Amino acid sequence: MRPTLRLLESGLIEKILAEAREALAKLGVEIHNPPVLGLLADHGADADLAGRRARLPADLIDRALKTVPRSFPLFDVLGNQTHDFAGDNVYFTPGSAAINILDPASGRMRLPDTADYVRYVKLTAGLRHIASQSTAFIPAGVPEKISDSYRLYLSLLYGEKPVVTGAFTIEGFEIMKDLQLAVRGSAGALREKPLTVFSCCPTAPIKWSDVTSQNLLDCARWSIPVEFISMPLSGFMAPVTLVGSLVQQTAETLSGIVISQLAAPGHPILWGGSPAIFDVRHETTPMGAIETMMLNCAHSEIGKRLGLPTQGYIALSDAKQLDAQAGLETGLGALMAGLSGINSISGPGMLDFESCQSLEKLVVDNEIAGMTFRLLEGIQPRGDFPSLPLFEELLREKHLLIADHTRRHLREEIFFPGAVIDRATRARWLKEGGVTLGERAAREVARLVERYTPSRLAADAKAELTRRMSGEARRHGMETLPAADD
């Protein structure tokens, strides 16, 4: 039996959906993109072009929900399927778009550079429980207008795993789409085997900016999957109650679904978000708060009630170091997300309110993900019945260390974490130097980066990636791309 976590009664889910629908029908959604507003008007929305607002009738929402795929696959750069966002399948991906990296030598946060990003991609390639890359942090040293595409370029050039990414400008989408075409070879191949998931973020309360709504429109027309990242802040930009915040998040996500499905019926999406409470004491948005985790899990329940694949920003920490708080918040979030069946869990590696990525934390979080997967397998009999012969052997041999039953089931029954997790005796730990968690994590990062095998993407595709990225860099005043110290 797969263990599960549920936070909402079915009747409450229906009430939240009804309230969100009513908000969209009577208050509407604010749209700052004229083509998107026109699209909604053309399909029956009550659109106020001057006021930049569209009211969405129930039948329009229903029509959109009918065309959303109930699942979709994701593929790596070589064309191999890596994800099936169906049912309660769970996948972990690093948190994205951090502005800092935690320097293990100094213990301080700093701006990352290209070499840091390449090292991150090489590390992620070796993390078996992290299924995809993300454009995890923003390398300094390149023009802001190419920072989105440059991160995707490095991910596709050095890594094989699919990428969770996003564009923060309208112009940036074109080059990011072209980079994917360089890998796949054609628009048809990219549609058949999607390589990325783009984050599309409505603004609280119930609003789509010009940039994000255009990105959503562009992704839909190119069949690039998106994850809707609604970000209500309970008690600040959303009702303080969790139910009230869920109503708002549901309305914002439903509005995105309507736009995507009107633009391209059947466009694959993830019902997701990055909600948080607002801590009035410090004026912060703690991602490690238990209520934030509850919002993520409950929102996923609502998406699953609609039969949709889901995403959540969870399994991360607000701590500033790789410390007990980081482990507490990340571990609890990962377990709750896994038990809730959130299909795409975004967050590993992140610290400090989603602003910092730590490679050392990422290798620890990889082990947390592995333990989560073991939990999700549940408890099941493995040659245990009848039990009498096994206990007779135990009485006879005084142990079962080399029993056939042990050798047959040891690896599938017991999860053995890597070297980051200390399970030695205290005497052995002291003999080997009393190495701390941070030191073990740094060693593991170095080991996995050293073991990195270059991407098997064809040389001509790599050359095309570099040609397109170099051209975009020159267009924004940068003659040569930064050295990767590869």
Protein backbone atom coordinates (compact mmCIF):
# COMPACT_ATOMS: atom_id res chain seq x y z
CA MET A 1 0.00 0.00 0.00
CA ARG A 2 1.31 3.43 -0.96
CA PRO A 3 1.06 5.75 2.05
CA THR A 4 -0.73 9.03 1.39
CA LEU A 5 -1.39 12.41 2.97
CA ARG A 6 -4.68 14.24 2.52
CA LEU A 7 -5.53 17.63 4.04
CA LEU A 8 -8.87 18.52 2.44
CA GLU A 9 -12.21 16.79 2.62
CA SER A 10 -13.89 16.31 -0.75
CA GLY A 11 -16.68 18.72 0.15
CA LEU A 12 -14.16 21.43 1.02
CA ILE A 13 -12.37 20.96 -2.31
CA GLU A 14 -15.66 21.44 -4.15
CA LYS A 15 -16.40 24.58 -2.12
CA ILE A 16 -12.95 26.04 -2.89
CA LEU A 17 -13.42 25.34 -6.61
CA ALA A 18 -16.88 26.92 -6.57
CA GLU A 19 -15.62 30.05 -4.81
CA ALA A 20 -12.71 30.39 -7.24
CA ARG A 21 -15.06 30.06 -10.21
CA GLU A 22 -17.36 32.71 -8.74
CA ALA A 23 -14.43 35.09 -8.25
CA LEU A 24 -13.41 34.65 -11.89
CA ALA A 25 -16.97 35.12 -13.11
CA LYS A 26 -17.82 38.19 -11.02
CA LEU A 27 -14.49 39.88 -10.29
CA GLY A 28 -12.56 38.52 -13.25
CA VAL A 29 -8.85 38.42 -13.94
CA GLU A 30 -6.64 41.43 -14.67
CA ILE A 31 -4.78 41.05 -17.99
CA HIS A 32 -2.00 43.42 -19.08
CA ASN A 33 -1.51 41.83 -22.51
CA PRO A 34 -3.91 43.07 -25.24
CA PRO A 35 -3.67 39.96 -27.47
CA VAL A 36 -4.46 37.69 -24.50
CA LEU A 37 -7.33 39.93 -23.47
CA GLY A 38 -8.61 39.83 -27.04
CA LEU A 39 -8.30 36.05 -27.13
CA LEU A 40 -10.47 35.77 -24.03
CA ALA A 41 -13.03 38.18 -25.48
CA ASP A 42 -13.19 36.19 -28.72
CA HIS A 43 -14.14 33.07 -26.78
CA GLY A 44 -16.91 34.48 -24.65
CA ALA A 45 -15.24 36.27 -21.76
CA ASP A 46 -16.74 39.57 -20.65
CA ALA A 47 -13.68 41.66 -21.47
CA ASP A 48 -13.11 45.28 -20.52
CA LEU A 49 -10.27 46.25 -22.85
CA ALA A 50 -9.81 49.69 -21.32
CA GLY A 51 -9.90 48.37 -17.78
CA ARG A 52 -7.70 45.38 -18.70
CA ARG A 53 -10.02 42.91 -17.02
CA ALA A 54 -11.86 39.81 -18.22
CA ARG A 55 -14.65 37.98 -16.43
CA LEU A 56 -14.60 34.26 -17.15
CA PRO A 57 -17.98 32.50 -17.30
CA ALA A 58 -18.34 28.97 -15.96
CA ASP A 59 -18.80 27.40 -19.41
CA LEU A 60 -15.51 28.92 -20.63
CA ILE A 61 -13.66 27.42 -17.66
CA ASP A 62 -15.36 24.06 -18.24
CA ARG A 63 -14.41 24.03 -21.93
CA ALA A 64 -10.79 24.74 -21.06
CA LEU A 65 -10.64 22.04 -18.40
CA LYS A 66 -11.93 19.45 -20.86
CA THR A 67 -8.97 19.91 -23.20
CA VAL A 68 -6.16 19.86 -20.60
CA PRO A 69 -4.06 16.66 -20.84
CA ARG A 70 -4.40 14.48 -17.74
CA SER A 71 -0.71 13.64 -17.97
CA PHE A 72 2.25 14.21 -20.23
CA PRO A 73 5.80 12.88 -20.61
CA LEU A 74 9.13 14.69 -20.54
CA PHE A 75 12.28 13.66 -22.38
CA ASP A 76 16.02 14.25 -22.00
CA VAL A 77 18.27 15.82 -24.65
CA LEU A 78 18.85 12.39 -26.22
CA GLY A 79 15.12 11.80 -26.65
CA ASN A 80 14.73 9.27 -23.84
CA GLN A 81 11.61 9.56 -21.69
CA THR A 82 12.43 10.50 -18.10
CA HIS A 83 9.06 11.62 -16.69
CA ASP A 84 5.44 10.54 -16.79
CA PHE A 85 3.39 13.16 -14.98
CA ALA A 86 0.50 10.82 -14.28
CA GLY A 87 -1.31 9.67 -11.15
CA ASP A 88 0.85 10.02 -8.06
CA ASN A 89 4.21 9.66 -9.83
CA VAL A 90 6.74 11.88 -8.06
CA TYR A 91 9.84 13.61 -9.45
CA PHE A 92 12.28 16.01 -7.78
CA THR A 93 13.94 18.99 -9.46
CA PRO A 94 16.24 21.63 -7.94
CA GLY A 95 14.76 24.99 -7.05
CA SER A 96 15.35 27.65 -9.69
CA ALA A 97 16.28 31.26 -10.36
CA ALA A 98 18.31 31.86 -7.20
CA ILE A 99 20.44 35.01 -7.23
CA ASN A 100 23.13 33.65 -4.89
CA ILE A 101 25.14 30.51 -4.35
CA LEU A 102 26.45 29.31 -0.99
CA ASP A 103 30.24 29.19 -1.11
CA PRO A 104 31.33 26.11 0.88
CA ALA A 105 34.82 27.45 1.56
CA SER A 106 33.74 30.72 3.15
CA GLY A 107 30.26 29.71 4.28
CA ARG A 108 29.00 32.94 2.75
CA MET A 109 26.52 33.62 -0.02
CA ARG A 110 27.93 35.22 -3.15
CA LEU A 111 27.00 35.92 -6.74
CA PRO A 112 27.55 32.83 -8.92
CA ASP A 113 29.43 32.78 -12.21
CA THR A 114 29.48 30.58 -15.30
CA ALA A 115 31.93 28.10 -13.76
CA ASP A 116 29.56 27.64 -10.80
CA TYR A 117 26.69 26.93 -13.16
CA VAL A 118 28.62 24.39 -15.20
CA ARG A 119 29.67 22.69 -11.98
CA TYR A 120 26.02 22.58 -10.91
CA VAL A 121 24.99 20.92 -14.20
CA LYS A 122 27.76 18.35 -13.88
CA LEU A 123 26.72 17.62 -10.30
CA THR A 124 23.04 17.25 -11.14
CA ALA A 125 23.93 14.75 -13.84
CA GLY A 126 25.15 12.38 -11.11
CA LEU A 127 22.24 12.76 -8.67
CA ARG A 128 20.11 9.68 -9.23
CA HIS A 129 17.07 10.87 -7.25
CA ILE A 130 16.90 14.28 -8.97
CA ALA A 131 15.13 13.62 -12.27
CA SER A 132 15.60 16.96 -14.00
CA GLN A 133 17.71 20.07 -14.03
CA SER A 134 16.43 23.54 -13.39
CA THR A 135 17.93 26.85 -14.36
CA ALA A 136 18.93 26.92 -10.74
CA PHE A 137 20.69 30.26 -10.36
CA ILE A 138 21.62 33.30 -12.39
CA PRO A 139 25.29 33.56 -13.38
CA ALA A 140 26.77 37.03 -13.11
CA GLY A 141 28.84 38.39 -15.96
CA VAL A 142 26.28 38.25 -18.77
CA PRO A 143 23.78 40.92 -19.82
CA GLU A 144 20.51 40.72 -17.93
CA LYS A 145 18.58 40.34 -21.18
CA ILE A 146 20.25 37.00 -21.91
CA SER A 147 20.44 35.64 -18.37
CA ASP A 148 17.44 33.33 -18.91
CA SER A 149 18.57 31.91 -22.24
CA TYR A 150 22.19 31.62 -21.12
CA ARG A 151 21.25 29.38 -18.20
CA LEU A 152 19.20 27.16 -20.51
CA TYR A 153 22.07 27.07 -22.98
CA LEU A 154 24.53 25.82 -20.35
CA SER A 155 22.01 23.25 -19.12
CA LEU A 156 21.46 21.82 -22.60
CA LEU A 157 25.14 21.94 -23.54
CA TYR A 158 26.52 20.18 -20.46
CA GLY A 159 23.60 18.14 -19.12
CA GLU A 160 21.30 15.48 -20.49
CA LYS A 161 18.38 15.75 -18.08
CA PRO A 162 15.31 17.80 -19.05
CA VAL A 163 15.14 21.34 -17.71
CA VAL A 164 12.61 23.27 -15.65
CA THR A 165 13.09 26.88 -16.69
CA GLY A 166 11.27 30.06 -17.65
CA ALA A 167 11.59 33.40 -19.41
CA PHE A 168 11.40 36.71 -17.58
CA THR A 169 11.12 38.75 -20.78
CA ILE A 170 8.98 38.47 -23.88
CA GLU A 171 12.03 38.65 -26.17
CA GLY A 172 13.85 35.95 -24.24
CA PHE A 173 11.34 33.29 -25.24
CA GLU A 174 12.44 33.25 -28.88
CA ILE A 175 16.06 32.31 -28.25
CA MET A 176 15.04 29.82 -25.55
CA LYS A 177 12.70 28.16 -28.03
CA ASP A 178 15.45 28.19 -30.67
CA LEU A 179 17.90 26.50 -28.27
CA GLN A 180 15.42 23.66 -27.84
CA LEU A 181 15.00 23.41 -31.60
CA ALA A 182 18.78 23.13 -31.89
CA VAL A 183 18.61 20.03 -29.69
CA ARG A 184 15.49 18.44 -31.20
CA GLY A 185 16.07 19.46 -34.82
CA SER A 186 12.52 20.47 -35.70
CA ALA A 187 9.34 21.94 -34.27
CA GLY A 188 7.55 18.64 -34.77
CA ALA A 189 10.20 16.72 -32.85
CA LEU A 190 10.03 19.25 -30.01
CA ARG A 191 6.25 18.89 -29.82
CA GLU A 192 6.54 15.11 -29.82
CA LYS A 193 9.27 15.00 -27.18
CA PRO A 194 9.14 18.05 -24.89
CA LEU A 195 12.48 18.91 -23.34
CA THR A 196 11.58 21.62 -20.85
CA VAL A 197 8.85 22.90 -18.55
CA PHE A 198 8.45 26.68 -18.41
CA SER A 199 7.29 28.41 -15.24
CA CYS A 200 4.45 30.87 -15.85
CA CYS A 201 3.61 33.04 -12.86
CA PRO A 202 0.39 34.96 -12.33
CA THR A 203 0.64 37.94 -9.99
CA ALA A 204 -1.41 38.19 -6.82
CA PRO A 205 -4.21 38.95 -6.70
CA ILE A 206 -5.58 37.22 -9.85
CA LYS A 207 -3.52 39.12 -12.43
CA TRP A 208 -1.37 38.33 -15.46
CA SER A 209 1.38 40.74 -16.47
CA ASP A 210 2.23 41.49 -20.08
CA VAL A 211 5.39 39.35 -19.93
CA THR A 212 4.03 36.27 -18.18
CA SER A 213 0.81 36.11 -20.18
CA GLN A 214 2.77 36.44 -23.44
CA ASN A 215 5.17 33.70 -22.32
CA LEU A 216 2.16 31.50 -21.59
CA LEU A 217 0.72 32.25 -25.03
CA ASP A 218 4.04 31.48 -26.74
CA CYS A 219 4.55 28.23 -24.81
CA ALA A 220 1.04 27.08 -25.70
CA ARG A 221 1.55 27.76 -29.40
CA TRP A 222 4.82 25.80 -29.40
CA SER A 223 3.44 22.99 -27.17
CA ILE A 224 6.10 23.67 -24.55
CA PRO A 225 4.69 22.43 -21.21
CA VAL A 226 4.21 25.00 -18.47
CA GLU A 227 3.85 24.91 -14.72
CA PHE A 228 1.58 27.55 -13.25
CA ILE A 229 3.35 29.18 -10.31
CA SER A 230 0.69 31.10 -8.42
CA MET A 231 2.18 32.82 -5.36
CA PRO A 232 -0.44 33.96 -2.85
CA LEU A 233 1.06 35.32 0.38
CA SER A 234 -1.30 34.47 3.22
CA GLY A 235 -2.08 37.56 5.28
CA PHE A 236 -0.44 39.97 2.84
CA MET A 237 -1.43 39.51 -0.83
CA ALA A 238 -3.98 36.81 -0.04
CA PRO A 239 -6.40 36.00 2.80
CA VAL A 240 -4.62 35.03 6.00
CA THR A 241 -6.55 31.76 6.20
CA LEU A 242 -5.22 28.77 4.31
CA VAL A 243 -8.63 28.14 2.75
CA GLY A 244 -8.87 31.74 1.58
CA SER A 245 -5.38 31.55 0.06
CA LEU A 246 -6.33 28.30 -1.68
CA VAL A 247 -9.39 29.95 -3.22
CA GLN A 248 -7.18 32.71 -4.64
CA GLN A 249 -4.50 30.29 -5.85
CA THR A 250 -7.17 28.14 -7.50
CA ALA A 251 -8.66 31.15 -9.28
CA GLU A 252 -5.24 32.29 -10.53
CA THR A 253 -4.37 28.81 -11.79
CA LEU A 254 -7.75 28.32 -13.47
CA SER A 255 -7.30 31.62 -15.29
CA GLY A 256 -3.96 30.40 -16.64
CA ILE A 257 -5.53 27.16 -17.82
CA VAL A 258 -8.18 29.08 -19.72
CA ILE A 259 -5.54 31.18 -21.52
CA SER A 260 -3.36 28.19 -22.41
CA GLN A 261 -6.22 26.04 -23.67
CA LEU A 262 -7.77 28.82 -25.75
CA ALA A 263 -4.38 29.45 -27.35
CA ALA A 264 -3.77 25.74 -28.03
CA PRO A 265 -6.27 23.10 -26.86
CA GLY A 266 -4.39 20.17 -25.38
CA HIS A 267 -1.43 22.27 -24.24
CA PRO A 268 0.28 20.30 -21.40
CA ILE A 269 0.36 22.01 -18.01
CA LEU A 270 1.21 21.38 -14.37
CA TRP A 271 -1.22 22.68 -11.74
CA GLY A 272 1.37 24.21 -9.43
CA GLY A 273 2.50 27.10 -7.35
CA SER A 274 4.81 28.65 -4.80
CA PRO A 275 2.44 29.85 -2.09
CA ALA A 276 3.70 31.05 1.27
CA ILE A 277 2.48 32.53 4.47
CA PHE A 278 3.65 36.02 5.39
CA ASP A 279 5.55 36.23 8.68
CA VAL A 280 4.56 39.65 9.96
CA ARG A 281 7.27 39.56 12.63
CA HIS A 282 10.09 39.64 10.07
CA GLU A 283 8.21 40.65 6.90
CA THR A 284 9.36 37.45 5.20
CA THR A 285 7.75 34.67 3.19
CA PRO A 286 8.99 31.46 4.85
CA MET A 287 9.02 28.53 2.44
CA GLY A 288 9.91 26.23 5.33
CA ALA A 289 6.80 27.09 7.33
CA ILE A 290 4.46 24.17 7.95
CA GLU A 291 1.53 26.24 6.67
CA THR A 292 3.39 26.92 3.41
CA MET A 293 3.91 23.19 2.99
CA MET A 294 0.23 22.57 3.76
CA LEU A 295 -0.77 25.09 1.08
CA ASN A 296 1.37 23.29 -1.51
CA CYS A 297 -0.03 19.87 -0.65
CA ALA A 298 -3.63 21.06 -0.45
CA HIS A 299 -3.37 22.90 -3.78
CA SER A 300 -2.12 19.68 -5.34
CA GLU A 301 -5.18 17.90 -3.97
CA ILE A 302 -7.38 20.42 -5.75
CA GLY A 303 -5.50 19.88 -9.00
CA LYS A 304 -5.82 16.12 -8.65
CA ARG A 305 -9.55 16.51 -8.03
CA LEU A 306 -9.66 18.03 -11.52
CA GLY A 307 -7.59 15.13 -12.86
CA LEU A 308 -4.53 17.28 -13.60
CA PRO A 309 -0.79 16.71 -13.04
CA THR A 310 0.62 18.88 -10.27
CA GLN A 311 3.69 20.80 -9.12
CA GLY A 312 4.77 22.54 -5.91
CA TYR A 313 7.63 24.62 -4.53
CA ILE A 314 8.40 22.55 -1.47
CA ALA A 315 11.35 20.56 -0.03
CA LEU A 316 13.50 23.64 0.51
CA SER A 317 14.56 25.78 3.46
CA ASP A 318 14.82 29.34 4.69
CA ALA A 319 18.03 28.56 6.60
CA LYS A 320 21.17 30.44 5.60
CA GLN A 321 23.54 27.48 5.99
CA LEU A 322 23.51 23.73 5.60
CA ASP A 323 22.36 23.19 9.15
CA ALA A 324 19.71 21.44 11.23
CA GLN A 325 17.01 23.89 10.14
CA ALA A 326 17.82 23.19 6.49
CA GLY A 327 17.45 19.46 7.06
CA LEU A 328 14.30 19.81 9.16
CA GLU A 329 12.41 22.00 6.68
CA THR A 330 13.57 20.22 3.55
CA GLY A 331 12.99 16.72 4.90
CA LEU A 332 9.53 17.51 6.20
CA GLY A 333 8.56 19.18 2.94
CA ALA A 334 9.86 16.33 0.80
CA LEU A 335 7.93 13.75 2.81
CA MET A 336 4.71 15.76 2.74
CA ALA A 337 5.03 16.39 -1.00
CA GLY A 338 5.75 12.76 -1.73
CA LEU A 339 2.85 11.53 0.39
CA SER A 340 0.58 14.05 -1.36
CA GLY A 341 1.66 12.75 -4.76
CA ILE A 342 2.85 16.12 -6.06
CA ASN A 343 4.15 15.11 -9.48
CA SER A 344 6.91 17.72 -9.82
CA ILE A 345 8.58 18.73 -6.55
CA SER A 346 10.68 21.88 -7.00
CA GLY A 347 13.00 23.04 -4.27
CA PRO A 348 16.02 20.83 -3.49
CA GLY A 349 19.22 22.79 -2.94
CA MET A 350 17.49 26.06 -2.05
CA LEU A 351 18.05 28.24 1.00
CA ASP A 352 17.11 31.73 2.19
CA PHE A 353 13.56 32.20 0.88
CA GLU A 354 14.34 30.79 -2.58
CA SER A 355 17.22 33.24 -3.10
CA CYS A 356 20.22 30.93 -2.71
CA GLN A 357 21.26 27.60 -4.18
CA SER A 358 23.75 25.32 -2.41
CA LEU A 359 25.42 22.45 -4.24
CA GLU A 360 26.27 20.83 -0.92
CA LYS A 361 22.66 21.01 0.20
CA LEU A 362 21.60 19.60 -3.16
CA VAL A 363 23.54 16.37 -2.58
CA VAL A 364 21.99 16.07 0.88
CA ASP A 365 18.56 16.71 -0.60
CA ASN A 366 19.22 13.99 -3.16
CA GLU A 367 19.42 11.56 -0.23
CA ILE A 368 16.22 13.01 1.26
CA ALA A 369 14.54 12.35 -2.09
CA GLY A 370 15.82 8.77 -2.06
CA MET A 371 14.41 8.20 1.42
CA THR A 372 11.11 9.70 0.28
CA PHE A 373 10.90 7.27 -2.62
CA ARG A 374 11.52 4.39 -0.22
CA LEU A 375 8.68 5.58 2.00
CA LEU A 376 6.35 5.77 -1.00
CA GLU A 377 7.01 2.11 -1.78
CA GLY A 378 5.31 1.34 1.52
CA ILE A 379 5.49 -1.95 3.37
CA GLN A 380 4.80 -5.10 1.39
CA PRO A 381 5.53 -8.80 1.86
CA ARG A 382 8.64 -10.06 0.11
CA GLY A 383 8.80 -13.81 0.54
CA ASP A 384 7.63 -13.48 4.13
CA PHE A 385 4.83 -16.06 4.04
CA PRO A 386 4.94 -18.64 5.37
CA SER A 387 7.20 -17.17 8.05
CA LEU A 388 7.91 -20.32 10.02
CA PRO A 389 10.83 -21.59 7.88
CA LEU A 390 12.57 -18.23 8.17
CA PHE A 391 12.33 -18.21 11.96
CA GLU A 392 13.46 -21.84 12.09
CA GLU A 393 16.58 -20.79 10.14
CA LEU A 394 17.11 -17.85 12.53
CA LEU A 395 16.96 -20.17 15.57
CA ARG A 396 19.27 -22.65 13.90
CA GLU A 397 21.91 -20.24 12.53
CA LYS A 398 21.60 -17.53 15.24
CA HIS A 399 21.46 -14.83 12.51
CA LEU A 400 20.13 -14.22 9.00
CA LEU A 401 23.02 -12.21 7.57
CA ILE A 402 23.71 -14.58 4.69
CA ALA A 403 20.32 -16.23 4.45
CA ASP A 404 18.88 -16.61 0.94
CA HIS A 405 15.93 -14.47 2.00
CA THR A 406 18.28 -11.66 3.15
CA ARG A 407 20.41 -11.75 0.01
CA ARG A 408 17.34 -11.81 -2.21
CA HIS A 409 15.52 -8.87 -0.62
CA LEU A 410 18.17 -6.72 1.12
CA ARG A 411 18.64 -4.13 -1.64
CA GLU A 412 14.98 -3.73 -2.50
CA GLU A 413 13.81 -3.60 1.11
CA ILE A 414 16.42 -1.29 2.67
CA PHE A 415 17.52 2.06 1.25
CA PHE A 416 21.25 2.62 1.69
CA PRO A 417 22.12 6.33 1.37
CA GLY A 418 25.42 7.56 0.00
CA ALA A 419 28.48 8.85 1.83
CA VAL A 420 26.81 12.15 2.78
CA ILE A 421 24.72 10.40 5.44
CA ASP A 422 26.73 9.17 8.44
CA ARG A 423 25.76 5.73 9.76
CA ALA A 424 29.12 4.67 11.18
CA THR A 425 29.79 4.03 14.85
CA ARG A 426 31.06 6.98 16.84
CA ALA A 427 34.45 5.27 17.22
CA ARG A 428 34.81 4.84 13.46
CA TRP A 429 33.55 8.38 12.83
CA LEU A 430 36.23 9.77 15.17
CA LYS A 431 38.93 7.53 13.68
CA GLU A 432 38.11 8.82 10.21
CA GLY A 433 38.44 12.44 11.33
CA GLY A 434 35.03 13.34 12.77
CA VAL A 435 33.95 14.72 9.40
CA THR A 436 30.92 17.01 9.57
CA LEU A 437 27.89 16.92 7.30
CA GLY A 438 29.09 20.00 5.43
CA GLU A 439 32.50 18.45 4.84
CA ARG A 440 30.98 15.18 3.64
CA ALA A 441 28.66 17.06 1.32
CA ALA A 442 31.54 19.09 -0.13
CA ARG A 443 33.49 15.88 -0.75
CA GLU A 444 30.49 14.34 -2.49
CA VAL A 445 30.06 17.38 -4.72
CA ALA A 446 33.74 17.17 -5.70
CA ARG A 447 33.48 13.41 -6.32
CA LEU A 448 30.41 13.64 -8.55
CA VAL A 449 31.77 16.59 -10.53
CA GLU A 450 35.02 14.68 -11.06
CA ARG A 451 33.04 11.66 -12.29
CA TYR A 452 31.00 13.73 -14.73
CA THR A 453 30.68 12.25 -18.20
CA PRO A 454 30.21 14.81 -20.99
CA SER A 455 26.75 14.99 -22.52
CA ARG A 456 26.22 12.58 -25.40
CA LEU A 457 24.29 15.17 -27.39
CA ALA A 458 25.55 15.15 -30.98
CA ALA A 459 28.48 17.46 -31.69
CA ASP A 460 26.61 19.31 -34.42
CA ALA A 461 23.72 20.03 -32.00
CA LYS A 462 26.21 21.35 -29.43
CA ALA A 463 27.80 23.55 -32.07
CA GLU A 464 24.38 24.87 -33.08
CA LEU A 465 23.56 25.65 -29.44
CA THR A 466 26.75 27.68 -29.14
CA ARG A 467 26.19 29.41 -32.49
CA ARG A 468 22.70 30.56 -31.50
CA MET A 469 23.69 31.60 -27.99
CA SER A 470 26.75 33.48 -29.26
CA GLY A 471 24.60 35.34 -31.77
CA GLU A 472 22.16 36.35 -29.05
CA ALA A 473 25.01 37.50 -26.82
CA ARG A 474 26.46 39.66 -29.61
CA ARG A 475 23.04 41.18 -30.21
CA HIS A 476 23.18 42.45 -26.62
CA GLY A 477 26.74 43.77 -26.78
CA MET A 478 28.72 40.74 -25.60
CA GLU A 479 31.38 39.67 -28.11
CA THR A 480 32.25 36.31 -26.55
CA LEU A 481 30.56 34.00 -24.07
CA PRO A 482 32.21 33.64 -20.64
CA ALA A 483 34.75 30.87 -20.17
CA ALA A 484 33.25 27.85 -18.49
CA ASP A 485 36.54 26.60 -17.01
CA ASP A 486 35.51 23.24 -18.39
